[in-house]
Amino acid sequence: MPCCFHAARPSPFEHFDPGCPLNIPDSELVEFPKSSGNQWCRFHLPLNGHNGVGSPKMRWSEKGSEDFNLEIIREIERARESNKAADLSGVVFPEYNFFTLDFSFNRNWPAISFSGASFPSFDLLGNAQFSEISFDHDVTFKNAQFNGAAWFSRSKFGAASFDGARFEQGVSFRGASFSGYASFVGVTFMCAASFHETYFGGNFIFNQVSVAGKAAFSGSRSVSNDAKE
């Protein structure tokens, strides 16, 4: 029985199969909750069940979390080297202790989907660090959940969608640039959001947004006449 993850992918990744894209052997799947019959790969295994009971992922060691992070990076690398899109939709990242989730390696990323991914709250130095990355192709974080701080400072995007994403802690796009469209429809910022000195070279759509803190745009630039706020 394959991993039970199943979700339609948003545009422009709607051609992806809705099932789990990762070839994890059945012997490595985890049944959660127990006796439910639901088998999960380690990438899509939830942190908690509907009854609040934690999954085995909640008990991973620091090394287990670091190994998971490296596997994700290798998956992105394989997609880049084969000139394909990387499908990381619905990936549930573990709780990280004493280190930062860091994807800021000096390589250009392929087209990639983080649609529905979950980035939990991290302890101590834990942040979701996507700074200074070149997303040369389409990228989506549609409906992604960021429970810790998220940093996209000085990253370069082609077309990017954050529609429906939720940011619980600080988020920064300071100095980032979007050469294609940048869509933030229905985003929830439960925190301050920085778009200082951000460049929008395509359509910038920022509507139906909920901001509990302050969204700052000082020094940002948009060259599109179709920007919507």
C-alpha atoms as a PDB file:
ATOM      1  CA  MET A   1       0.000   0.000   0.000  1.00  0.00           C
ATOM      2  CA  PRO A   2       1.534   3.366  -1.001  1.00  0.00           C
ATOM      3  CA  CYS A   3       1.690   6.494   1.156  1.00  0.00           C
ATOM      4  CA  CYS A   4      -1.866   7.757   1.628  1.00  0.00           C
ATOM      5  CA  PHE A   5      -1.031  11.401   0.847  1.00  0.00           C
ATOM      6  CA  HIS A   6      -3.369  12.657  -1.881  1.00  0.00           C
ATOM      7  CA  ALA A   7      -3.939  16.241  -3.021  1.00  0.00           C
ATOM      8  CA  ALA A   8      -4.544  17.987  -6.335  1.00  0.00           C
ATOM      9  CA  ARG A   9      -1.678  20.312  -7.214  1.00  0.00           C
ATOM     10  CA  PRO A  10      -2.243  23.998  -7.993  1.00  0.00           C
ATOM     11  CA  SER A  11      -1.303  25.715 -11.246  1.00  0.00           C
ATOM     12  CA  PRO A  12       1.212  25.435 -12.860  1.00  0.00           C
ATOM     13  CA  PHE A  13       1.762  21.980 -11.331  1.00  0.00           C
ATOM     14  CA  GLU A  14      -1.700  20.564 -12.002  1.00  0.00           C
ATOM     15  CA  HIS A  15      -0.174  17.907 -14.273  1.00  0.00           C
ATOM     16  CA  PHE A  16       1.443  16.246 -11.250  1.00  0.00           C
ATOM     17  CA  ASP A  17      -0.161  13.035 -10.036  1.00  0.00           C
ATOM     18  CA  PRO A  18      -2.236  13.786  -6.895  1.00  0.00           C
ATOM     19  CA  GLY A  19      -0.627  10.943  -4.960  1.00  0.00           C
ATOM     20  CA  CYS A  20       2.681  10.799  -3.116  1.00  0.00           C
ATOM     21  CA  PRO A  21       5.476  11.497  -5.633  1.00  0.00           C
ATOM     22  CA  LEU A  22       8.247   9.952  -3.543  1.00  0.00           C
ATOM     23  CA  ASN A  23       9.206   6.342  -4.079  1.00  0.00           C
ATOM     24  CA  ILE A  24       9.375   5.154  -0.486  1.00  0.00           C
ATOM     25  CA  PRO A  25       9.391   1.353   0.027  1.00  0.00           C
ATOM     26  CA  ASP A  26       6.301  -0.075   1.734  1.00  0.00           C
ATOM     27  CA  SER A  27       8.567  -1.434   4.471  1.00  0.00           C
ATOM     28  CA  GLU A  28       9.421   2.151   5.498  1.00  0.00           C
ATOM     29  CA  LEU A  29       5.839   3.421   5.703  1.00  0.00           C
ATOM     30  CA  VAL A  30       4.377   4.254   9.111  1.00  0.00           C
ATOM     31  CA  GLU A  31       0.799   3.531  10.122  1.00  0.00           C
ATOM     32  CA  PHE A  32      -0.660   6.589  11.838  1.00  0.00           C
ATOM     33  CA  PRO A  33      -2.839   6.804  13.803  1.00  0.00           C
ATOM     34  CA  LYS A  34      -2.395   3.224  14.997  1.00  0.00           C
ATOM     35  CA  SER A  35      -4.969   0.764  13.664  1.00  0.00           C
ATOM     36  CA  SER A  36      -6.271   3.403  11.228  1.00  0.00           C
ATOM     37  CA  GLY A  37      -4.924   1.697   8.142  1.00  0.00           C
ATOM     38  CA  ASN A  38      -3.371   4.990   7.009  1.00  0.00           C
ATOM     39  CA  GLN A  39       0.179   4.423   5.828  1.00  0.00           C
ATOM     40  CA  TRP A  40       2.487   7.449   5.536  1.00  0.00           C
ATOM     41  CA  CYS A  41       5.957   7.984   4.144  1.00  0.00           C
ATOM     42  CA  ARG A  42       8.322   9.929   6.398  1.00  0.00           C
ATOM     43  CA  PHE A  43       7.905  13.045   4.240  1.00  0.00           C
ATOM     44  CA  HIS A  44       4.115  13.267   4.572  1.00  0.00           C
ATOM     45  CA  LEU A  45       3.745  11.754   8.046  1.00  0.00           C
ATOM     46  CA  PRO A  46       1.774  14.320  10.114  1.00  0.00           C
ATOM     47  CA  LEU A  47       3.137  15.598  13.403  1.00  0.00           C
ATOM     48  CA  ASN A  48      -0.182  15.077  15.187  1.00  0.00           C
ATOM     49  CA  GLY A  49      -3.387  13.145  14.691  1.00  0.00           C
ATOM     50  CA  HIS A  50      -6.868  14.623  14.916  1.00  0.00           C
ATOM     51  CA  ASN A  51      -7.010  13.569  18.565  1.00  0.00           C
ATOM     52  CA  GLY A  52      -3.829  15.497  19.375  1.00  0.00           C
ATOM     53  CA  VAL A  53      -1.672  12.390  19.784  1.00  0.00           C
ATOM     54  CA  GLY A  54       1.812  12.945  18.401  1.00  0.00           C
ATOM     55  CA  SER A  55       3.191  10.803  15.608  1.00  0.00           C
ATOM     56  CA  PRO A  56       6.654   9.152  15.702  1.00  0.00           C
ATOM     57  CA  LYS A  57       7.958  12.233  13.850  1.00  0.00           C
ATOM     58  CA  MET A  58       7.461  14.225  17.044  1.00  0.00           C
ATOM     59  CA  ARG A  59      10.071  12.019  18.697  1.00  0.00           C
ATOM     60  CA  TRP A  60      12.749  12.249  16.033  1.00  0.00           C
ATOM     61  CA  SER A  61      16.212  13.068  17.271  1.00  0.00           C
ATOM     62  CA  GLU A  62      18.138  16.121  16.102  1.00  0.00           C
ATOM     63  CA  LYS A  63      20.098  13.881  13.726  1.00  0.00           C
ATOM     64  CA  GLY A  64      16.883  12.406  12.357  1.00  0.00           C
ATOM     65  CA  SER A  65      15.633  15.898  11.585  1.00  0.00           C
ATOM     66  CA  GLU A  66      18.923  16.888   9.969  1.00  0.00           C
ATOM     67  CA  ASP A  67      18.883  13.747   7.809  1.00  0.00           C
ATOM     68  CA  PHE A  68      15.340  14.614   6.719  1.00  0.00           C
ATOM     69  CA  ASN A  69      16.466  18.090   5.715  1.00  0.00           C
ATOM     70  CA  LEU A  70      19.339  16.641   3.656  1.00  0.00           C
ATOM     71  CA  GLU A  71      16.955  14.238   1.909  1.00  0.00           C
ATOM     72  CA  ILE A  72      14.754  17.160   0.900  1.00  0.00           C
ATOM     73  CA  ILE A  73      17.755  19.020  -0.506  1.00  0.00           C
ATOM     74  CA  ARG A  74      18.847  15.919  -2.414  1.00  0.00           C
ATOM     75  CA  GLU A  75      15.342  15.609  -3.886  1.00  0.00           C
ATOM     76  CA  ILE A  76      15.588  19.198  -5.120  1.00  0.00           C
ATOM     77  CA  GLU A  77      19.059  18.515  -6.508  1.00  0.00           C
ATOM     78  CA  ARG A  78      17.849  15.440  -8.409  1.00  0.00           C
ATOM     79  CA  ALA A  79      15.065  17.465  -9.992  1.00  0.00           C
ATOM     80  CA  ARG A  80      17.468  20.248 -10.936  1.00  0.00           C
ATOM     81  CA  GLU A  81      19.987  17.868 -12.482  1.00  0.00           C
ATOM     82  CA  SER A  82      17.300  16.098 -14.528  1.00  0.00           C
ATOM     83  CA  ASN A  83      15.714  19.416 -15.553  1.00  0.00           C
ATOM     84  CA  LYS A  84      12.388  18.480 -13.979  1.00  0.00           C
ATOM     85  CA  ALA A  85      10.082  20.118 -11.471  1.00  0.00           C
ATOM     86  CA  ALA A  86      10.390  19.065  -7.827  1.00  0.00           C
ATOM     87  CA  ASP A  87       7.144  18.049  -6.178  1.00  0.00           C
ATOM     88  CA  LEU A  88       7.346  18.553  -2.407  1.00  0.00           C
ATOM     89  CA  SER A  89       3.643  19.226  -2.003  1.00  0.00           C
ATOM     90  CA  GLY A  90       2.266  18.400   1.418  1.00  0.00           C
ATOM     91  CA  VAL A  91       5.644  17.669   2.994  1.00  0.00           C
ATOM     92  CA  VAL A  92       5.457  17.970   6.783  1.00  0.00           C
ATOM     93  CA  PHE A  93       8.711  19.185   8.274  1.00  0.00           C
ATOM     94  CA  PRO A  94       9.605  17.932  11.757  1.00  0.00           C
ATOM     95  CA  GLU A  95      10.216  19.976  14.853  1.00  0.00           C
ATOM     96  CA  TYR A  96      13.830  21.131  14.689  1.00  0.00           C
ATOM     97  CA  ASN A  97      15.990  21.636  17.744  1.00  0.00           C
ATOM     98  CA  PHE A  98      19.042  23.885  18.020  1.00  0.00           C
ATOM     99  CA  PHE A  99      19.540  24.479  14.323  1.00  0.00           C
ATOM    100  CA  THR A 100      17.929  26.302  11.449  1.00  0.00           C
ATOM    101  CA  LEU A 101      16.086  24.741   8.547  1.00  0.00           C
ATOM    102  CA  ASP A 102      18.335  26.181   5.843  1.00  0.00           C
ATOM    103  CA  PHE A 103      17.860  25.791   2.099  1.00  0.00           C
ATOM    104  CA  SER A 104      20.224  28.653   1.261  1.00  0.00           C
ATOM    105  CA  PHE A 105      22.730  26.677  -0.748  1.00  0.00           C
ATOM    106  CA  ASN A 106      24.319  28.415  -3.712  1.00  0.00           C
ATOM    107  CA  ARG A 107      22.477  26.714  -6.540  1.00  0.00           C
ATOM    108  CA  ASN A 108      19.568  27.745  -8.679  1.00  0.00           C
ATOM    109  CA  TRP A 109      16.402  25.862  -7.894  1.00  0.00           C
ATOM    110  CA  PRO A 110      14.216  24.020 -10.402  1.00  0.00           C
ATOM    111  CA  ALA A 111      10.480  24.626 -10.649  1.00  0.00           C
ATOM    112  CA  ILE A 112       9.187  23.459  -7.296  1.00  0.00           C
ATOM    113  CA  SER A 113       5.934  22.972  -5.433  1.00  0.00           C
ATOM    114  CA  PHE A 114       5.691  23.327  -1.666  1.00  0.00           C
ATOM    115  CA  SER A 115       1.899  23.475  -1.955  1.00  0.00           C
ATOM    116  CA  GLY A 116       0.292  22.523   1.336  1.00  0.00           C
ATOM    117  CA  ALA A 117       3.648  21.971   3.027  1.00  0.00           C
ATOM    118  CA  SER A 118       3.868  22.473   6.777  1.00  0.00           C
ATOM    119  CA  PHE A 119       6.793  24.246   8.437  1.00  0.00           C
ATOM    120  CA  PRO A 120       6.260  23.858  12.204  1.00  0.00           C
ATOM    121  CA  SER A 121       7.366  26.086  15.014  1.00  0.00           C
ATOM    122  CA  PHE A 122      11.038  25.577  15.758  1.00  0.00           C
ATOM    123  CA  ASP A 123      12.912  25.746  19.061  1.00  0.00           C
ATOM    124  CA  LEU A 124      15.633  28.274  19.824  1.00  0.00           C
ATOM    125  CA  LEU A 125      17.349  29.107  16.521  1.00  0.00           C
ATOM    126  CA  GLY A 126      14.767  27.403  14.360  1.00  0.00           C
ATOM    127  CA  ASN A 127      13.656  29.337  11.283  1.00  0.00           C
ATOM    128  CA  ALA A 128      12.581  28.466   7.764  1.00  0.00           C
ATOM    129  CA  GLN A 129      15.489  29.975   5.875  1.00  0.00           C
ATOM    130  CA  PHE A 130      15.042  30.513   2.139  1.00  0.00           C
ATOM    131  CA  SER A 131      17.255  33.600   1.827  1.00  0.00           C
ATOM    132  CA  GLU A 132      19.471  34.354  -1.185  1.00  0.00           C
ATOM    133  CA  ILE A 133      18.051  31.545  -3.303  1.00  0.00           C
ATOM    134  CA  SER A 134      17.430  31.860  -7.050  1.00  0.00           C
ATOM    135  CA  PHE A 135      14.046  30.379  -7.971  1.00  0.00           C
ATOM    136  CA  ASP A 136      14.504  30.641 -11.737  1.00  0.00           C
ATOM    137  CA  HIS A 137      11.313  28.711 -12.448  1.00  0.00           C
ATOM    138  CA  ASP A 138       7.781  28.608 -11.076  1.00  0.00           C
ATOM    139  CA  VAL A 139       7.472  28.038  -7.347  1.00  0.00           C
ATOM    140  CA  THR A 140       4.382  27.688  -5.206  1.00  0.00           C
ATOM    141  CA  PHE A 141       3.891  27.790  -1.456  1.00  0.00           C
ATOM    142  CA  LYS A 142       0.101  27.730  -1.855  1.00  0.00           C
ATOM    143  CA  ASN A 143      -1.637  26.902   1.451  1.00  0.00           C
ATOM    144  CA  ALA A 144       1.724  26.349   3.142  1.00  0.00           C
ATOM    145  CA  GLN A 145       1.801  26.753   6.910  1.00  0.00           C
ATOM    146  CA  PHE A 146       4.733  28.551   8.555  1.00  0.00           C
ATOM    147  CA  ASN A 147       4.519  28.279  12.333  1.00  0.00           C
ATOM    148  CA  GLY A 148       8.047  29.613  12.835  1.00  0.00           C
ATOM    149  CA  ALA A 149       9.821  32.612  11.328  1.00  0.00           C
ATOM    150  CA  ALA A 150      10.274  32.526   7.548  1.00  0.00           C
ATOM    151  CA  TRP A 151      13.014  34.355   5.669  1.00  0.00           C
ATOM    152  CA  PHE A 152      13.078  34.949   1.907  1.00  0.00           C
ATOM    153  CA  SER A 153      15.419  37.934   2.064  1.00  0.00           C
ATOM    154  CA  ARG A 154      17.329  38.751  -1.143  1.00  0.00           C
ATOM    155  CA  SER A 155      15.927  35.699  -2.936  1.00  0.00           C
ATOM    156  CA  LYS A 156      15.185  35.902  -6.654  1.00  0.00           C
ATOM    157  CA  PHE A 157      11.866  34.564  -7.911  1.00  0.00           C
ATOM    158  CA  GLY A 158      10.448  34.000 -11.356  1.00  0.00           C
ATOM    159  CA  ALA A 159       6.694  33.459 -10.915  1.00  0.00           C
ATOM    160  CA  ALA A 160       5.653  32.726  -7.328  1.00  0.00           C
ATOM    161  CA  SER A 161       2.408  31.977  -5.534  1.00  0.00           C
ATOM    162  CA  PHE A 162       1.857  32.181  -1.778  1.00  0.00           C
ATOM    163  CA  ASP A 163      -1.938  32.069  -2.115  1.00  0.00           C
ATOM    164  CA  GLY A 164      -3.606  30.887   1.077  1.00  0.00           C
ATOM    165  CA  ALA A 165      -0.338  30.612   2.995  1.00  0.00           C
ATOM    166  CA  ARG A 166      -0.300  31.351   6.713  1.00  0.00           C
ATOM    167  CA  PHE A 167       2.621  32.951   8.567  1.00  0.00           C
ATOM    168  CA  GLU A 168       2.413  32.696  12.337  1.00  0.00           C
ATOM    169  CA  GLN A 169       5.724  34.436  13.146  1.00  0.00           C
ATOM    170  CA  GLY A 170       7.913  37.028  11.436  1.00  0.00           C
ATOM    171  CA  VAL A 171       8.336  36.850   7.656  1.00  0.00           C
ATOM    172  CA  SER A 172      10.751  38.835   5.512  1.00  0.00           C
ATOM    173  CA  PHE A 173      11.020  39.379   1.766  1.00  0.00           C
ATOM    174  CA  ARG A 174      13.471  42.252   2.263  1.00  0.00           C
ATOM    175  CA  GLY A 175      15.490  42.825  -0.903  1.00  0.00           C
ATOM    176  CA  ALA A 176      13.797  39.951  -2.735  1.00  0.00           C
ATOM    177  CA  SER A 177      12.910  40.301  -6.418  1.00  0.00           C
ATOM    178  CA  PHE A 178      10.061  38.798  -8.451  1.00  0.00           C
ATOM    179  CA  SER A 179      10.604  38.880 -12.217  1.00  0.00           C
ATOM    180  CA  GLY A 180       7.281  37.139 -12.910  1.00  0.00           C
ATOM    181  CA  TYR A 181       3.928  37.410 -11.168  1.00  0.00           C
ATOM    182  CA  ALA A 182       3.828  37.455  -7.364  1.00  0.00           C
ATOM    183  CA  SER A 183       0.507  36.343  -5.914  1.00  0.00           C
ATOM    184  CA  PHE A 184      -0.408  36.699  -2.233  1.00  0.00           C
ATOM    185  CA  VAL A 185      -4.170  36.135  -2.446  1.00  0.00           C
ATOM    186  CA  GLY A 186      -5.783  35.100   0.833  1.00  0.00           C
ATOM    187  CA  VAL A 187      -2.533  35.104   2.798  1.00  0.00           C
ATOM    188  CA  THR A 188      -2.730  35.378   6.588  1.00  0.00           C
ATOM    189  CA  PHE A 189       0.056  37.250   8.378  1.00  0.00           C
ATOM    190  CA  MET A 190      -0.275  36.730  12.122  1.00  0.00           C
ATOM    191  CA  CYS A 191       2.850  38.833  12.496  1.00  0.00           C
ATOM    192  CA  ALA A 192       4.882  41.635  10.964  1.00  0.00           C
ATOM    193  CA  ALA A 193       5.675  41.172   7.267  1.00  0.00           C
ATOM    194  CA  SER A 194       8.583  42.955   5.624  1.00  0.00           C
ATOM    195  CA  PHE A 195       8.626  43.751   1.919  1.00  0.00           C
ATOM    196  CA  HIS A 196      11.265  46.443   2.306  1.00  0.00           C
ATOM    197  CA  GLU A 197      13.161  47.106  -0.941  1.00  0.00           C
ATOM    198  CA  THR A 198      11.337  44.264  -2.699  1.00  0.00           C
ATOM    199  CA  TYR A 199      11.193  44.438  -6.498  1.00  0.00           C
ATOM    200  CA  PHE A 200       8.077  43.297  -8.382  1.00  0.00           C
ATOM    201  CA  GLY A 201       8.767  42.984 -12.109  1.00  0.00           C
ATOM    202  CA  GLY A 202       5.463  41.309 -12.999  1.00  0.00           C
ATOM    203  CA  ASN A 203       1.904  41.404 -11.740  1.00  0.00           C
ATOM    204  CA  PHE A 204       1.803  41.849  -7.966  1.00  0.00           C
ATOM    205  CA  ILE A 205      -1.477  40.620  -6.475  1.00  0.00           C
ATOM    206  CA  PHE A 206      -1.965  41.332  -2.779  1.00  0.00           C
ATOM    207  CA  ASN A 207      -5.639  41.064  -1.908  1.00  0.00           C
ATOM    208  CA  GLN A 208      -7.970  39.307   0.528  1.00  0.00           C
ATOM    209  CA  VAL A 209      -4.992  39.437   2.868  1.00  0.00           C
ATOM    210  CA  SER A 210      -5.287  39.344   6.656  1.00  0.00           C
ATOM    211  CA  VAL A 211      -2.530  41.187   8.519  1.00  0.00           C
ATOM    212  CA  ALA A 212      -2.469  41.046  12.326  1.00  0.00           C
ATOM    213  CA  GLY A 213       0.856  42.872  12.517  1.00  0.00           C
ATOM    214  CA  LYS A 214       2.236  45.397  10.042  1.00  0.00           C
ATOM    215  CA  ALA A 215       3.057  44.862   6.364  1.00  0.00           C
ATOM    216  CA  ALA A 216       5.863  47.246   5.423  1.00  0.00           C
ATOM    217  CA  PHE A 217       6.663  48.107   1.795  1.00  0.00           C
ATOM    218  CA  SER A 218       9.110  51.008   2.136  1.00  0.00           C
ATOM    219  CA  GLY A 219      11.545  51.119  -0.757  1.00  0.00           C
ATOM    220  CA  SER A 220       9.714  48.410  -2.708  1.00  0.00           C
ATOM    221  CA  ARG A 221       9.146  48.859  -6.452  1.00  0.00           C
ATOM    222  CA  SER A 222       6.613  47.527  -8.933  1.00  0.00           C
ATOM    223  CA  VAL A 223       6.982  48.043 -12.697  1.00  0.00           C
ATOM    224  CA  SER A 224       3.641  46.475 -13.557  1.00  0.00           C
ATOM    225  CA  ASN A 225       0.532  48.545 -14.141  1.00  0.00           C
ATOM    226  CA  ASP A 226      -1.512  45.518 -13.120  1.00  0.00           C
ATOM    227  CA  ALA A 227      -0.373  45.469  -9.516  1.00  0.00           C
ATOM    228  CA  LYS A 228      -3.376  44.947  -7.255  1.00  0.00           C
ATOM    229  CA  GLU A 229      -3.577  45.598  -3.543  1.00  0.00           C
END
